Amino acid sequence: MSPETDRRTDCLADWCADAEWCGLTCALDVLDRKWSPVVVAVLLDGPRGFAAISDAVDGVSGTVLSETLDDLTDAGIVERRTVSERPHRVEYRLTAAGRDLEPAVEALREWGERHGTA
């Protein structure tokens, strides 16, 4: 079984109470952290290093951003790549599955702009 299939199976086992809602609950399982959709939106513009993501996501602590990136990496949405060993630099980029979230992230952004109360 591939890692992608493993994640899907785990999601279905953990969340799916009704076949009608499986896809929705699996998506929410991936985007359940406050900053996850925001990080995905930032990375839709292309790969970035940790500091660049942090600068783009005003208000998130380094610890929370690191945990969010780890969760998105574990879910197969973000890929972490070492760019150079000296000095050690990494960059984060969306996987194909992460790029597939673009319409959903844009729809959530538009909904929030129309209906948000903040």
N, C-alpha and C. Protein backbone atom coordinates (compact mmCIF):
# COMPACT_ATOMS: atom_id res chain seq x y z
N MET A 1 0.85 -1.18 0.00
CA MET A 1 0.00 0.00 0.00
C MET A 1 0.89 1.24 0.00
N SER A 2 0.57 2.24 -0.82
CA SER A 2 1.37 3.46 -0.92
C SER A 2 1.10 4.36 0.27
N PRO A 3 2.03 5.30 0.57
CA PRO A 3 1.78 6.26 1.66
C PRO A 3 0.49 7.04 1.44
N GLU A 4 0.18 7.38 0.17
CA GLU A 4 -1.04 8.11 -0.14
C GLU A 4 -2.26 7.27 0.25
N THR A 5 -2.24 5.99 -0.07
CA THR A 5 -3.34 5.10 0.27
C THR A 5 -3.43 4.91 1.78
N ASP A 6 -2.27 4.81 2.45
CA ASP A 6 -2.26 4.70 3.91
C ASP A 6 -2.95 5.88 4.56
N ARG A 7 -2.65 7.11 4.10
CA ARG A 7 -3.28 8.31 4.66
C ARG A 7 -4.78 8.27 4.46
N ARG A 8 -5.22 7.85 3.25
CA ARG A 8 -6.65 7.80 2.96
C ARG A 8 -7.32 6.79 3.86
N THR A 9 -6.72 5.63 4.02
CA THR A 9 -7.29 4.59 4.88
C THR A 9 -7.36 5.09 6.32
N ASP A 10 -6.30 5.73 6.81
CA ASP A 10 -6.31 6.26 8.17
C ASP A 10 -7.43 7.28 8.34
N CYS A 11 -7.57 8.15 7.37
CA CYS A 11 -8.61 9.18 7.43
C CYS A 11 -9.98 8.53 7.49
N LEU A 12 -10.21 7.57 6.62
CA LEU A 12 -11.52 6.93 6.59
C LEU A 12 -11.81 6.21 7.90
N ALA A 13 -10.82 5.55 8.44
CA ALA A 13 -11.03 4.82 9.69
C ALA A 13 -11.30 5.79 10.84
N ASP A 14 -10.61 6.93 10.87
CA ASP A 14 -10.74 7.88 11.97
C ASP A 14 -12.00 8.74 11.88
N TRP A 15 -12.38 9.13 10.69
CA TRP A 15 -13.40 10.16 10.55
C TRP A 15 -14.71 9.70 9.94
N CYS A 16 -14.66 8.74 9.07
CA CYS A 16 -15.80 8.48 8.18
C CYS A 16 -16.89 7.68 8.87
N ALA A 17 -17.94 8.37 9.27
CA ALA A 17 -19.08 7.70 9.89
C ALA A 17 -20.15 7.38 8.85
N ASP A 18 -20.14 8.09 7.73
CA ASP A 18 -21.17 7.92 6.71
C ASP A 18 -20.51 8.14 5.36
N ALA A 19 -20.67 7.21 4.44
CA ALA A 19 -20.02 7.29 3.14
C ALA A 19 -20.31 8.61 2.42
N GLU A 20 -21.46 9.19 2.66
CA GLU A 20 -21.82 10.45 2.01
C GLU A 20 -20.87 11.59 2.41
N TRP A 21 -20.31 11.51 3.60
CA TRP A 21 -19.48 12.61 4.12
C TRP A 21 -18.00 12.29 4.15
N CYS A 22 -17.58 11.14 3.67
CA CYS A 22 -16.18 10.73 3.78
C CYS A 22 -15.21 11.74 3.20
N GLY A 23 -15.45 12.21 2.00
CA GLY A 23 -14.53 13.15 1.36
C GLY A 23 -14.40 14.44 2.15
N LEU A 24 -15.52 14.96 2.62
CA LEU A 24 -15.51 16.20 3.39
C LEU A 24 -14.76 16.03 4.70
N THR A 25 -15.03 14.96 5.41
CA THR A 25 -14.37 14.77 6.70
C THR A 25 -12.88 14.49 6.53
N CYS A 26 -12.50 13.82 5.45
CA CYS A 26 -11.07 13.60 5.19
C CYS A 26 -10.36 14.92 4.89
N ALA A 27 -11.02 15.79 4.12
CA ALA A 27 -10.43 17.10 3.83
C ALA A 27 -10.28 17.91 5.11
N LEU A 28 -11.30 17.87 5.96
CA LEU A 28 -11.22 18.61 7.22
C LEU A 28 -10.16 18.04 8.15
N ASP A 29 -9.92 16.75 8.05
CA ASP A 29 -8.86 16.13 8.85
C ASP A 29 -7.50 16.73 8.49
N VAL A 30 -7.30 17.03 7.21
CA VAL A 30 -6.04 17.61 6.75
C VAL A 30 -5.95 19.09 7.11
N LEU A 31 -7.06 19.81 7.02
CA LEU A 31 -7.06 21.26 7.21
C LEU A 31 -7.58 21.68 8.58
N ASP A 32 -7.47 20.80 9.58
CA ASP A 32 -8.10 21.06 10.87
C ASP A 32 -7.36 22.06 11.76
N ARG A 33 -6.12 22.37 11.45
CA ARG A 33 -5.40 23.38 12.25
C ARG A 33 -5.75 24.77 11.74
N LYS A 34 -5.78 25.73 12.63
CA LYS A 34 -6.17 27.10 12.29
C LYS A 34 -5.37 27.65 11.11
N TRP A 35 -4.07 27.40 11.10
CA TRP A 35 -3.21 28.03 10.10
C TRP A 35 -3.00 27.18 8.86
N SER A 36 -3.48 25.96 8.82
CA SER A 36 -3.24 25.07 7.67
C SER A 36 -3.73 25.65 6.35
N PRO A 37 -4.98 26.11 6.25
CA PRO A 37 -5.41 26.68 4.97
C PRO A 37 -4.62 27.92 4.56
N VAL A 38 -4.19 28.69 5.55
CA VAL A 38 -3.41 29.90 5.26
C VAL A 38 -2.04 29.52 4.71
N VAL A 39 -1.40 28.54 5.30
CA VAL A 39 -0.10 28.08 4.81
C VAL A 39 -0.24 27.53 3.39
N VAL A 40 -1.28 26.76 3.15
CA VAL A 40 -1.52 26.25 1.80
C VAL A 40 -1.69 27.42 0.83
N ALA A 41 -2.47 28.43 1.21
CA ALA A 41 -2.68 29.60 0.35
C ALA A 41 -1.36 30.30 0.05
N VAL A 42 -0.51 30.45 1.04
CA VAL A 42 0.80 31.10 0.85
C VAL A 42 1.66 30.29 -0.13
N LEU A 43 1.65 28.98 0.04
CA LEU A 43 2.48 28.12 -0.81
C LEU A 43 1.92 27.95 -2.22
N LEU A 44 0.68 28.34 -2.45
CA LEU A 44 0.15 28.32 -3.81
C LEU A 44 0.93 29.26 -4.72
N ASP A 45 1.58 30.26 -4.13
CA ASP A 45 2.39 31.20 -4.91
C ASP A 45 3.77 30.64 -5.24
N GLY A 46 4.10 29.49 -4.69
CA GLY A 46 5.38 28.85 -4.98
C GLY A 46 6.13 28.50 -3.71
N PRO A 47 7.23 27.75 -3.86
CA PRO A 47 8.01 27.30 -2.70
C PRO A 47 8.56 28.48 -1.90
N ARG A 48 8.66 28.27 -0.59
CA ARG A 48 9.21 29.29 0.30
C ARG A 48 9.95 28.63 1.44
N GLY A 49 10.88 29.37 1.98
CA GLY A 49 11.56 28.94 3.19
C GLY A 49 10.70 29.26 4.41
N PHE A 50 11.12 28.74 5.56
CA PHE A 50 10.36 28.92 6.79
C PHE A 50 10.17 30.41 7.11
N ALA A 51 11.24 31.18 7.04
CA ALA A 51 11.15 32.61 7.39
C ALA A 51 10.20 33.34 6.45
N ALA A 52 10.23 33.02 5.17
CA ALA A 52 9.34 33.67 4.21
C ALA A 52 7.88 33.32 4.49
N ILE A 53 7.63 32.08 4.87
CA ILE A 53 6.25 31.68 5.23
C ILE A 53 5.83 32.44 6.48
N SER A 54 6.71 32.48 7.47
CA SER A 54 6.42 33.17 8.72
C SER A 54 6.11 34.65 8.46
N ASP A 55 6.88 35.29 7.58
CA ASP A 55 6.65 36.69 7.25
C ASP A 55 5.29 36.88 6.57
N ALA A 56 4.91 35.92 5.74
CA ALA A 56 3.65 36.03 4.99
C ALA A 56 2.43 35.73 5.86
N VAL A 57 2.63 34.97 6.94
CA VAL A 57 1.51 34.58 7.81
C VAL A 57 1.65 35.34 9.12
N ASP A 58 1.23 36.58 9.09
CA ASP A 58 1.34 37.44 10.25
C ASP A 58 0.48 36.90 11.40
N GLY A 59 1.09 36.79 12.58
CA GLY A 59 0.34 36.40 13.76
C GLY A 59 0.54 34.96 14.20
N VAL A 60 1.26 34.17 13.43
CA VAL A 60 1.50 32.78 13.82
C VAL A 60 2.87 32.69 14.49
N SER A 61 2.95 31.95 15.59
CA SER A 61 4.24 31.78 16.26
C SER A 61 5.08 30.78 15.49
N GLY A 62 6.38 30.83 15.69
CA GLY A 62 7.28 29.89 15.03
C GLY A 62 6.97 28.44 15.38
N THR A 63 6.62 28.21 16.64
CA THR A 63 6.30 26.84 17.08
C THR A 63 5.04 26.32 16.38
N VAL A 64 4.01 27.15 16.34
CA VAL A 64 2.76 26.73 15.70
C VAL A 64 2.97 26.55 14.20
N LEU A 65 3.73 27.43 13.57
CA LEU A 65 4.01 27.28 12.14
C LEU A 65 4.77 26.00 11.87
N SER A 66 5.75 25.69 12.69
CA SER A 66 6.52 24.46 12.54
C SER A 66 5.62 23.24 12.68
N GLU A 67 4.75 23.23 13.68
CA GLU A 67 3.82 22.11 13.87
C GLU A 67 2.85 21.98 12.70
N THR A 68 2.39 23.12 12.19
CA THR A 68 1.47 23.11 11.05
C THR A 68 2.15 22.54 9.82
N LEU A 69 3.38 22.98 9.56
CA LEU A 69 4.13 22.46 8.42
C LEU A 69 4.40 20.97 8.57
N ASP A 70 4.72 20.53 9.77
CA ASP A 70 4.93 19.10 10.02
C ASP A 70 3.65 18.31 9.73
N ASP A 71 2.51 18.81 10.20
CA ASP A 71 1.23 18.13 9.97
C ASP A 71 0.90 18.07 8.48
N LEU A 72 1.11 19.18 7.77
CA LEU A 72 0.83 19.21 6.34
C LEU A 72 1.79 18.30 5.57
N THR A 73 3.02 18.21 6.04
CA THR A 73 3.99 17.30 5.43
C THR A 73 3.57 15.86 5.65
N ASP A 74 3.20 15.53 6.89
CA ASP A 74 2.74 14.17 7.21
C ASP A 74 1.51 13.78 6.39
N ALA A 75 0.66 14.77 6.08
CA ALA A 75 -0.57 14.51 5.34
C ALA A 75 -0.33 14.44 3.83
N GLY A 76 0.90 14.72 3.40
CA GLY A 76 1.20 14.65 1.98
C GLY A 76 0.78 15.88 1.20
N ILE A 77 0.55 17.00 1.89
CA ILE A 77 0.13 18.24 1.26
C ILE A 77 1.33 19.13 0.95
N VAL A 78 2.33 19.08 1.82
CA VAL A 78 3.54 19.89 1.70
C VAL A 78 4.75 18.98 1.65
N GLU A 79 5.72 19.37 0.86
CA GLU A 79 6.99 18.66 0.79
C GLU A 79 8.07 19.57 1.36
N ARG A 80 8.91 19.03 2.20
CA ARG A 80 10.05 19.76 2.79
C ARG A 80 11.30 19.30 2.08
N ARG A 81 12.02 20.26 1.48
CA ARG A 81 13.23 19.92 0.73
C ARG A 81 14.42 20.69 1.26
N THR A 82 15.54 20.00 1.39
CA THR A 82 16.78 20.67 1.76
C THR A 82 17.33 21.35 0.51
N VAL A 83 17.56 22.66 0.61
CA VAL A 83 18.05 23.43 -0.52
C VAL A 83 19.57 23.51 -0.48
N SER A 84 20.13 23.67 0.71
CA SER A 84 21.58 23.68 0.85
C SER A 84 21.96 23.15 2.23
N GLU A 85 23.11 22.53 2.27
CA GLU A 85 23.61 21.97 3.53
C GLU A 85 24.33 23.03 4.35
N ARG A 86 25.09 23.90 3.69
CA ARG A 86 25.84 24.95 4.38
C ARG A 86 25.66 26.26 3.68
N PRO A 87 25.01 27.19 4.25
CA PRO A 87 24.22 27.05 5.47
C PRO A 87 23.00 26.18 5.21
N HIS A 88 22.55 25.53 6.26
CA HIS A 88 21.39 24.63 6.13
C HIS A 88 20.15 25.46 5.83
N ARG A 89 19.55 25.17 4.68
CA ARG A 89 18.32 25.85 4.29
C ARG A 89 17.34 24.82 3.75
N VAL A 90 16.09 24.98 4.14
CA VAL A 90 15.04 24.12 3.60
C VAL A 90 13.97 25.00 2.97
N GLU A 91 13.22 24.41 2.08
CA GLU A 91 12.08 25.11 1.52
C GLU A 91 10.88 24.17 1.54
N TYR A 92 9.74 24.77 1.56
CA TYR A 92 8.49 24.02 1.58
C TYR A 92 7.76 24.32 0.29
N ARG A 93 7.17 23.27 -0.28
CA ARG A 93 6.39 23.43 -1.50
C ARG A 93 5.19 22.50 -1.42
N LEU A 94 4.17 22.85 -2.15
CA LEU A 94 2.98 22.00 -2.19
C LEU A 94 3.24 20.79 -3.07
N THR A 95 2.71 19.67 -2.67
CA THR A 95 2.71 18.48 -3.50
C THR A 95 1.54 18.62 -4.50
N ALA A 96 1.38 17.66 -5.36
CA ALA A 96 0.24 17.68 -6.28
C ALA A 96 -1.07 17.71 -5.51
N ALA A 97 -1.14 16.94 -4.42
CA ALA A 97 -2.35 16.94 -3.59
C ALA A 97 -2.58 18.31 -2.97
N GLY A 98 -1.52 18.98 -2.57
CA GLY A 98 -1.63 20.33 -2.01
C GLY A 98 -2.12 21.33 -3.04
N ARG A 99 -1.58 21.24 -4.26
CA ARG A 99 -2.03 22.14 -5.32
C ARG A 99 -3.50 21.91 -5.67
N ASP A 100 -3.95 20.67 -5.52
CA ASP A 100 -5.36 20.36 -5.77
C ASP A 100 -6.30 21.07 -4.80
N LEU A 101 -5.76 21.57 -3.69
CA LEU A 101 -6.59 22.29 -2.71
C LEU A 101 -6.88 23.73 -3.13
N GLU A 102 -6.25 24.22 -4.20
CA GLU A 102 -6.42 25.62 -4.58
C GLU A 102 -7.88 26.05 -4.73
N PRO A 103 -8.72 25.32 -5.46
CA PRO A 103 -10.11 25.78 -5.57
C PRO A 103 -10.83 25.82 -4.22
N ALA A 104 -10.54 24.87 -3.35
CA ALA A 104 -11.18 24.85 -2.03
C ALA A 104 -10.72 26.02 -1.18
N VAL A 105 -9.42 26.29 -1.19
CA VAL A 105 -8.88 27.40 -0.41
C VAL A 105 -9.43 28.73 -0.93
N GLU A 106 -9.49 28.87 -2.24
CA GLU A 106 -10.04 30.10 -2.81
C GLU A 106 -11.53 30.25 -2.48
N ALA A 107 -12.27 29.15 -2.52
CA ALA A 107 -13.69 29.20 -2.18
C ALA A 107 -13.87 29.59 -0.71
N LEU A 108 -13.04 29.06 0.18
CA LEU A 108 -13.12 29.43 1.60
C LEU A 108 -12.78 30.91 1.80
N ARG A 109 -11.76 31.38 1.08
CA ARG A 109 -11.38 32.80 1.18
C ARG A 109 -12.55 33.69 0.74
N GLU A 110 -13.15 33.36 -0.39
CA GLU A 110 -14.26 34.16 -0.91
C GLU A 110 -15.45 34.12 0.04
N TRP A 111 -15.75 32.95 0.58
CA TRP A 111 -16.86 32.83 1.53
C TRP A 111 -16.58 33.73 2.74
N GLY A 112 -15.37 33.67 3.26
CA GLY A 112 -15.01 34.48 4.42
C GLY A 112 -15.12 35.97 4.14
N GLU A 113 -14.73 36.37 2.93
CA GLU A 113 -14.84 37.79 2.59
C GLU A 113 -16.31 38.24 2.52
N ARG A 114 -17.18 37.35 2.05
CA ARG A 114 -18.61 37.68 1.95
C ARG A 114 -19.34 37.59 3.28
N HIS A 115 -18.97 36.61 4.10
CA HIS A 115 -19.77 36.30 5.28
C HIS A 115 -19.03 36.46 6.61
N GLY A 116 -17.74 36.73 6.57
CA GLY A 116 -16.97 36.84 7.81
C GLY A 116 -17.43 38.03 8.64
N THR A 117 -17.31 37.88 9.93
CA THR A 117 -17.77 38.94 10.83
C THR A 117 -16.60 39.65 11.51
N ALA A 118 -15.39 39.22 11.21
CA ALA A 118 -14.22 39.80 11.90
C ALA A 118 -13.88 41.17 11.43
